N, C-alpha and C. Protein backbone atom coordinates (compact mmCIF):
# COMPACT_ATOMS: atom_id res chain seq x y z
N MET A 1 -14.70 176.16 -82.55
CA MET A 1 -15.39 175.27 -83.47
C MET A 1 -15.29 173.84 -82.97
N ALA A 2 -16.34 173.10 -83.05
CA ALA A 2 -16.41 171.76 -82.50
C ALA A 2 -15.74 170.70 -83.38
N ASN A 3 -15.63 170.94 -84.66
CA ASN A 3 -14.99 169.99 -85.57
C ASN A 3 -15.54 168.58 -85.45
N GLY A 4 -16.84 168.44 -85.28
CA GLY A 4 -17.45 167.12 -85.23
C GLY A 4 -17.16 166.31 -83.98
N GLN A 5 -16.71 166.96 -82.92
CA GLN A 5 -16.46 166.22 -81.69
C GLN A 5 -17.76 165.61 -81.19
N LYS A 6 -17.65 164.44 -80.57
CA LYS A 6 -18.83 163.68 -80.18
C LYS A 6 -19.10 163.80 -78.69
N ILE A 7 -20.34 164.18 -78.38
CA ILE A 7 -20.78 164.35 -77.00
C ILE A 7 -21.90 163.36 -76.73
N LEU A 8 -21.76 162.59 -75.66
CA LEU A 8 -22.82 161.67 -75.24
C LEU A 8 -23.59 162.33 -74.10
N ILE A 9 -24.90 162.46 -74.28
CA ILE A 9 -25.77 163.06 -73.28
C ILE A 9 -26.56 161.94 -72.63
N VAL A 10 -26.44 161.82 -71.31
CA VAL A 10 -27.07 160.71 -70.60
C VAL A 10 -28.07 161.30 -69.60
N ASP A 11 -29.36 161.09 -69.89
CA ASP A 11 -30.41 161.64 -69.05
C ASP A 11 -31.70 160.89 -69.33
N ASP A 12 -32.41 160.53 -68.29
CA ASP A 12 -33.66 159.80 -68.46
C ASP A 12 -34.84 160.74 -68.76
N GLU A 13 -34.59 162.03 -68.79
CA GLU A 13 -35.65 163.01 -69.06
C GLU A 13 -35.41 163.63 -70.45
N CYS A 14 -36.29 163.28 -71.38
CA CYS A 14 -36.17 163.79 -72.76
C CYS A 14 -36.28 165.31 -72.80
N GLU A 15 -37.02 165.89 -71.88
CA GLU A 15 -37.17 167.34 -71.88
C GLU A 15 -35.87 168.06 -71.54
N THR A 16 -34.89 167.33 -71.04
CA THR A 16 -33.55 167.91 -70.83
C THR A 16 -32.62 167.51 -71.97
N SER A 17 -32.54 166.22 -72.25
CA SER A 17 -31.55 165.74 -73.23
C SER A 17 -31.82 166.25 -74.64
N GLY A 18 -33.10 166.33 -75.02
CA GLY A 18 -33.43 166.79 -76.37
C GLY A 18 -32.95 168.21 -76.68
N PRO A 19 -33.35 169.19 -75.87
CA PRO A 19 -32.88 170.56 -76.12
C PRO A 19 -31.36 170.72 -76.01
N VAL A 20 -30.74 170.00 -75.07
CA VAL A 20 -29.28 170.08 -74.94
C VAL A 20 -28.63 169.54 -76.22
N ALA A 21 -29.10 168.39 -76.70
CA ALA A 21 -28.54 167.80 -77.92
C ALA A 21 -28.69 168.76 -79.10
N LYS A 22 -29.87 169.33 -79.29
CA LYS A 22 -30.09 170.25 -80.41
C LYS A 22 -29.18 171.47 -80.32
N TYR A 23 -29.04 172.02 -79.13
CA TYR A 23 -28.19 173.20 -78.95
C TYR A 23 -26.73 172.87 -79.29
N LEU A 24 -26.24 171.75 -78.80
CA LEU A 24 -24.85 171.37 -79.06
C LEU A 24 -24.63 171.03 -80.54
N GLU A 25 -25.63 170.44 -81.18
CA GLU A 25 -25.52 170.15 -82.61
C GLU A 25 -25.44 171.45 -83.42
N ARG A 26 -26.21 172.45 -83.03
CA ARG A 26 -26.12 173.75 -83.72
C ARG A 26 -24.75 174.39 -83.54
N ALA A 27 -24.07 174.03 -82.45
CA ALA A 27 -22.73 174.55 -82.20
C ALA A 27 -21.66 173.71 -82.91
N GLY A 28 -22.06 172.67 -83.62
CA GLY A 28 -21.12 171.88 -84.41
C GLY A 28 -20.72 170.54 -83.82
N TYR A 29 -21.29 170.16 -82.70
CA TYR A 29 -20.96 168.87 -82.09
C TYR A 29 -21.88 167.78 -82.64
N GLU A 30 -21.37 166.57 -82.65
CA GLU A 30 -22.21 165.40 -82.91
C GLU A 30 -22.69 164.93 -81.54
N THR A 31 -23.98 164.63 -81.42
CA THR A 31 -24.50 164.18 -80.13
C THR A 31 -25.31 162.91 -80.29
N GLN A 32 -25.35 162.16 -79.23
CA GLN A 32 -26.27 161.04 -79.09
C GLN A 32 -26.74 161.05 -77.65
N CYS A 33 -27.92 160.49 -77.43
CA CYS A 33 -28.50 160.47 -76.09
C CYS A 33 -28.69 159.04 -75.62
N ALA A 34 -28.50 158.83 -74.33
CA ALA A 34 -28.77 157.56 -73.67
C ALA A 34 -29.69 157.84 -72.49
N PRO A 35 -30.66 156.95 -72.22
CA PRO A 35 -31.62 157.20 -71.15
C PRO A 35 -31.16 156.78 -69.76
N ASN A 36 -30.02 156.09 -69.67
CA ASN A 36 -29.53 155.67 -68.35
C ASN A 36 -28.06 155.29 -68.46
N GLY A 37 -27.46 155.03 -67.31
CA GLY A 37 -26.04 154.72 -67.27
C GLY A 37 -25.67 153.42 -67.97
N ARG A 38 -26.51 152.41 -67.88
CA ARG A 38 -26.21 151.12 -68.52
C ARG A 38 -26.16 151.26 -70.05
N ASP A 39 -27.15 151.95 -70.61
CA ASP A 39 -27.14 152.17 -72.06
C ASP A 39 -25.94 153.04 -72.46
N ALA A 40 -25.64 154.04 -71.64
CA ALA A 40 -24.49 154.90 -71.94
C ALA A 40 -23.19 154.11 -71.94
N LEU A 41 -23.04 153.22 -70.97
CA LEU A 41 -21.82 152.41 -70.91
C LEU A 41 -21.66 151.57 -72.17
N ALA A 42 -22.75 150.98 -72.64
CA ALA A 42 -22.69 150.21 -73.89
C ALA A 42 -22.29 151.09 -75.05
N MET A 43 -22.82 152.31 -75.11
CA MET A 43 -22.46 153.23 -76.19
C MET A 43 -21.00 153.68 -76.07
N LEU A 44 -20.54 153.89 -74.86
CA LEU A 44 -19.15 154.30 -74.66
C LEU A 44 -18.19 153.19 -75.09
N ILE A 45 -18.54 151.96 -74.78
CA ILE A 45 -17.70 150.82 -75.14
C ILE A 45 -17.60 150.66 -76.65
N SER A 46 -18.71 150.89 -77.33
CA SER A 46 -18.73 150.64 -78.77
C SER A 46 -18.34 151.84 -79.63
N GLY A 47 -18.03 152.96 -79.01
CA GLY A 47 -17.70 154.14 -79.81
C GLY A 47 -16.60 154.97 -79.19
N SER A 48 -16.33 156.07 -79.83
CA SER A 48 -15.32 157.01 -79.35
C SER A 48 -16.01 158.34 -79.05
N TRP A 49 -15.86 158.82 -77.84
CA TRP A 49 -16.55 160.03 -77.39
C TRP A 49 -15.55 161.04 -76.86
N ASP A 50 -15.86 162.31 -77.06
CA ASP A 50 -14.97 163.37 -76.62
C ASP A 50 -15.37 163.96 -75.27
N ALA A 51 -16.65 163.84 -74.90
CA ALA A 51 -17.11 164.36 -73.61
C ALA A 51 -18.46 163.73 -73.28
N LEU A 52 -18.83 163.87 -72.01
CA LEU A 52 -20.06 163.27 -71.50
C LEU A 52 -20.81 164.33 -70.70
N VAL A 53 -22.10 164.49 -71.01
CA VAL A 53 -23.00 165.33 -70.21
C VAL A 53 -23.93 164.35 -69.51
N LEU A 54 -23.94 164.38 -68.19
CA LEU A 54 -24.49 163.28 -67.42
C LEU A 54 -25.43 163.75 -66.32
N ASP A 55 -26.59 163.12 -66.24
CA ASP A 55 -27.54 163.34 -65.15
C ASP A 55 -27.06 162.52 -63.95
N MET A 56 -27.38 162.98 -62.75
CA MET A 56 -26.99 162.21 -61.57
C MET A 56 -27.99 161.11 -61.22
N ARG A 57 -29.27 161.43 -61.27
CA ARG A 57 -30.28 160.46 -60.85
C ARG A 57 -31.01 159.87 -62.06
N MET A 58 -30.79 158.57 -62.26
CA MET A 58 -31.42 157.85 -63.36
C MET A 58 -31.69 156.42 -62.91
N PRO A 59 -32.60 155.73 -63.60
CA PRO A 59 -32.83 154.32 -63.27
C PRO A 59 -31.66 153.45 -63.75
N ASP A 60 -31.58 152.26 -63.23
CA ASP A 60 -30.60 151.23 -63.59
C ASP A 60 -29.19 151.54 -63.11
N MET A 61 -28.61 152.62 -63.54
CA MET A 61 -27.27 153.02 -63.11
C MET A 61 -27.24 154.54 -63.10
N ASN A 62 -27.04 155.14 -61.92
CA ASN A 62 -27.06 156.61 -61.88
C ASN A 62 -25.73 157.17 -62.40
N GLY A 63 -25.69 158.49 -62.51
CA GLY A 63 -24.52 159.14 -63.10
C GLY A 63 -23.23 158.94 -62.34
N VAL A 64 -23.30 158.98 -61.02
CA VAL A 64 -22.09 158.79 -60.22
C VAL A 64 -21.60 157.35 -60.36
N GLU A 65 -22.51 156.38 -60.38
CA GLU A 65 -22.10 154.98 -60.58
C GLU A 65 -21.43 154.81 -61.93
N LEU A 66 -22.00 155.42 -62.96
CA LEU A 66 -21.38 155.35 -64.29
C LEU A 66 -20.00 155.96 -64.27
N LEU A 67 -19.86 157.12 -63.64
CA LEU A 67 -18.55 157.78 -63.59
C LEU A 67 -17.54 156.93 -62.83
N GLN A 68 -17.97 156.24 -61.77
CA GLN A 68 -17.07 155.34 -61.05
C GLN A 68 -16.55 154.24 -61.96
N VAL A 69 -17.42 153.66 -62.75
CA VAL A 69 -17.01 152.62 -63.69
C VAL A 69 -16.01 153.20 -64.70
N LEU A 70 -16.35 154.35 -65.27
CA LEU A 70 -15.49 154.94 -66.29
C LEU A 70 -14.09 155.24 -65.76
N ARG A 71 -14.02 155.79 -64.58
CA ARG A 71 -12.72 156.17 -64.03
C ARG A 71 -11.87 154.96 -63.65
N SER A 72 -12.45 153.78 -63.59
CA SER A 72 -11.67 152.58 -63.27
C SER A 72 -10.95 152.03 -64.50
N TYR A 73 -11.18 152.61 -65.67
CA TYR A 73 -10.54 152.19 -66.91
C TYR A 73 -9.65 153.30 -67.45
N LEU A 74 -8.43 152.94 -67.78
CA LEU A 74 -7.48 153.92 -68.30
C LEU A 74 -8.03 154.66 -69.51
N ARG A 75 -8.79 153.97 -70.33
CA ARG A 75 -9.37 154.55 -71.55
C ARG A 75 -10.20 155.81 -71.27
N TRP A 76 -10.84 155.86 -70.09
CA TRP A 76 -11.76 156.96 -69.79
C TRP A 76 -11.33 157.84 -68.62
N THR A 77 -10.09 157.73 -68.17
CA THR A 77 -9.68 158.53 -67.02
C THR A 77 -9.69 160.03 -67.30
N ASP A 78 -9.50 160.42 -68.54
CA ASP A 78 -9.47 161.84 -68.88
C ASP A 78 -10.70 162.31 -69.64
N LEU A 79 -11.71 161.46 -69.78
CA LEU A 79 -12.92 161.87 -70.49
C LEU A 79 -13.61 163.00 -69.72
N PRO A 80 -13.78 164.16 -70.33
CA PRO A 80 -14.46 165.26 -69.64
C PRO A 80 -15.92 164.92 -69.35
N VAL A 81 -16.33 165.13 -68.10
CA VAL A 81 -17.69 164.84 -67.67
C VAL A 81 -18.27 166.09 -67.00
N ILE A 82 -19.44 166.48 -67.47
CA ILE A 82 -20.18 167.60 -66.89
C ILE A 82 -21.54 167.06 -66.46
N PHE A 83 -21.92 167.36 -65.23
CA PHE A 83 -23.21 166.89 -64.73
C PHE A 83 -24.28 167.94 -64.88
N LEU A 84 -25.48 167.48 -65.21
CA LEU A 84 -26.72 168.25 -65.15
C LEU A 84 -27.61 167.51 -64.17
N THR A 85 -28.08 168.17 -63.14
CA THR A 85 -28.89 167.46 -62.17
C THR A 85 -30.04 168.31 -61.67
N GLY A 86 -31.15 167.66 -61.44
CA GLY A 86 -32.30 168.33 -60.88
C GLY A 86 -32.31 168.23 -59.37
N ASN A 87 -31.85 167.11 -58.88
CA ASN A 87 -31.80 166.92 -57.43
C ASN A 87 -30.75 165.88 -57.11
N ALA A 88 -29.75 166.30 -56.44
CA ALA A 88 -28.68 165.40 -55.99
C ALA A 88 -28.32 165.79 -54.57
N ASP A 89 -27.91 164.81 -53.82
CA ASP A 89 -27.49 165.15 -52.47
C ASP A 89 -26.01 165.52 -52.47
N SER A 90 -25.57 166.12 -51.38
CA SER A 90 -24.20 166.62 -51.34
C SER A 90 -23.18 165.48 -51.42
N ALA A 91 -23.52 164.30 -50.91
CA ALA A 91 -22.59 163.17 -51.01
C ALA A 91 -22.36 162.78 -52.46
N GLN A 92 -23.43 162.77 -53.26
CA GLN A 92 -23.29 162.46 -54.69
C GLN A 92 -22.43 163.51 -55.37
N GLU A 93 -22.69 164.77 -55.07
CA GLU A 93 -21.92 165.84 -55.69
C GLU A 93 -20.44 165.76 -55.30
N GLU A 94 -20.17 165.50 -54.04
CA GLU A 94 -18.78 165.38 -53.60
C GLU A 94 -18.09 164.21 -54.30
N MET A 95 -18.79 163.09 -54.43
CA MET A 95 -18.21 161.94 -55.12
C MET A 95 -17.96 162.25 -56.59
N ALA A 96 -18.88 162.95 -57.23
CA ALA A 96 -18.71 163.33 -58.64
C ALA A 96 -17.46 164.19 -58.82
N ILE A 97 -17.29 165.14 -57.93
CA ILE A 97 -16.11 166.01 -58.00
C ILE A 97 -14.84 165.20 -57.73
N TYR A 98 -14.89 164.34 -56.74
CA TYR A 98 -13.74 163.49 -56.42
C TYR A 98 -13.34 162.64 -57.63
N LEU A 99 -14.33 162.18 -58.37
CA LEU A 99 -14.07 161.34 -59.55
C LEU A 99 -13.68 162.14 -60.79
N GLY A 100 -13.62 163.45 -60.65
CA GLY A 100 -13.12 164.26 -61.75
C GLY A 100 -14.15 164.97 -62.60
N ALA A 101 -15.39 165.08 -62.11
CA ALA A 101 -16.38 165.86 -62.86
C ALA A 101 -15.89 167.29 -62.96
N ARG A 102 -16.06 167.88 -64.12
CA ARG A 102 -15.61 169.26 -64.32
C ARG A 102 -16.53 170.29 -63.70
N ARG A 103 -17.84 170.02 -63.77
CA ARG A 103 -18.80 171.01 -63.31
C ARG A 103 -20.14 170.34 -63.06
N ILE A 104 -20.89 170.89 -62.13
CA ILE A 104 -22.24 170.40 -61.86
C ILE A 104 -23.19 171.56 -62.09
N PHE A 105 -24.05 171.41 -63.09
CA PHE A 105 -25.07 172.41 -63.39
C PHE A 105 -26.41 171.94 -62.83
N ARG A 106 -27.23 172.86 -62.38
CA ARG A 106 -28.56 172.56 -61.89
C ARG A 106 -29.57 172.70 -63.02
N LYS A 107 -30.38 171.67 -63.22
CA LYS A 107 -31.45 171.77 -64.21
C LYS A 107 -32.39 172.88 -63.80
N GLY A 108 -32.81 173.64 -64.78
CA GLY A 108 -33.72 174.75 -64.51
C GLY A 108 -33.01 176.02 -64.07
N ALA A 109 -31.72 175.92 -63.77
CA ALA A 109 -30.99 177.10 -63.31
C ALA A 109 -29.70 177.32 -64.10
N PHE A 110 -29.56 176.64 -65.22
CA PHE A 110 -28.35 176.82 -66.02
C PHE A 110 -28.75 177.35 -67.39
N LYS A 111 -27.77 177.93 -68.05
CA LYS A 111 -27.97 178.42 -69.42
C LYS A 111 -27.21 177.50 -70.36
N LEU A 112 -27.83 177.23 -71.49
CA LEU A 112 -27.17 176.38 -72.48
C LEU A 112 -25.83 176.97 -72.92
N GLU A 113 -25.74 178.29 -72.95
CA GLU A 113 -24.48 178.94 -73.33
C GLU A 113 -23.38 178.61 -72.34
N ASP A 114 -23.73 178.52 -71.04
CA ASP A 114 -22.74 178.18 -70.02
C ASP A 114 -22.27 176.73 -70.17
N LEU A 115 -23.21 175.84 -70.47
CA LEU A 115 -22.86 174.44 -70.71
C LEU A 115 -21.93 174.34 -71.92
N LEU A 116 -22.26 175.04 -72.99
CA LEU A 116 -21.42 175.03 -74.19
C LEU A 116 -20.02 175.55 -73.85
N GLY A 117 -19.95 176.65 -73.13
CA GLY A 117 -18.65 177.21 -72.75
C GLY A 117 -17.82 176.23 -71.93
N GLU A 118 -18.46 175.55 -71.01
CA GLU A 118 -17.76 174.56 -70.18
C GLU A 118 -17.27 173.40 -71.04
N LEU A 119 -18.08 172.95 -71.98
CA LEU A 119 -17.66 171.88 -72.88
C LEU A 119 -16.47 172.31 -73.73
N GLN A 120 -16.55 173.51 -74.27
CA GLN A 120 -15.45 174.01 -75.10
C GLN A 120 -14.16 174.08 -74.29
N GLU A 121 -14.27 174.56 -73.07
CA GLU A 121 -13.09 174.63 -72.20
C GLU A 121 -12.58 173.22 -71.85
N ALA A 122 -13.51 172.32 -71.57
CA ALA A 122 -13.13 170.94 -71.21
C ALA A 122 -12.37 170.26 -72.35
N LEU A 123 -12.78 170.54 -73.56
CA LEU A 123 -12.15 169.89 -74.70
C LEU A 123 -10.83 170.55 -75.09
N ARG A 124 -10.51 171.66 -74.43
CA ARG A 124 -9.24 172.34 -74.69
C ARG A 124 -8.20 172.09 -73.62
N GLY A 125 -8.62 171.83 -72.38
CA GLY A 125 -7.61 171.82 -71.32
C GLY A 125 -7.87 170.82 -70.21
N PRO A 126 -7.03 170.90 -69.17
CA PRO A 126 -7.12 169.96 -68.05
C PRO A 126 -8.38 170.17 -67.23
N ALA A 127 -8.75 169.11 -66.51
CA ALA A 127 -9.99 169.13 -65.71
C ALA A 127 -9.86 170.02 -64.49
N ARG A 128 -11.01 170.57 -64.11
CA ARG A 128 -11.14 171.30 -62.85
C ARG A 128 -12.58 171.08 -62.40
N ALA A 129 -12.78 171.05 -61.11
CA ALA A 129 -14.12 170.81 -60.59
C ALA A 129 -14.70 172.09 -60.03
N GLU A 130 -16.00 172.26 -60.25
CA GLU A 130 -16.69 173.46 -59.77
C GLU A 130 -18.16 173.13 -59.58
N LYS A 131 -18.74 173.64 -58.51
CA LYS A 131 -20.18 173.46 -58.29
C LYS A 131 -20.91 174.67 -58.78
C-alpha cells in the first residue's frame, strides 16, 4: 500500500507522464508531473517527495543533469530515482547508474506493473541499479 507517498514524474512528453501518473494514483500514490528538470528541481525544493520517475532527454535540464544536482545535496542522496527513456546513449545510462538510479526502463518496452513493482521495492529498501 502506498499510504499517500508522493512521486514526482518528470517528462516532457504528456503521452508518457499522464498514463504513468494515473496508474500510480490508482495504486495509492500521490503524483505530480513536471515537464523538465528545472521545473522538477523547483518542485523538489518546495516539497517533500518519496521517489522520482525521470526521463533522460528533456529540454532545459535533462534527467541526468537533474540527478547530478540532486545527489550533490544531502537531502536527496537517498531519493529513489527510476528512469524512463525513449532514447539515451550508453554514457548517459552509465552516469545515471553511477549516480544511484535504481532502474532504467525503456519507453514503449516497459509495463506499468513493472514500474510500480520497482517503486514499491525502492520505497522499502536500499538502492540497486539495473538496466
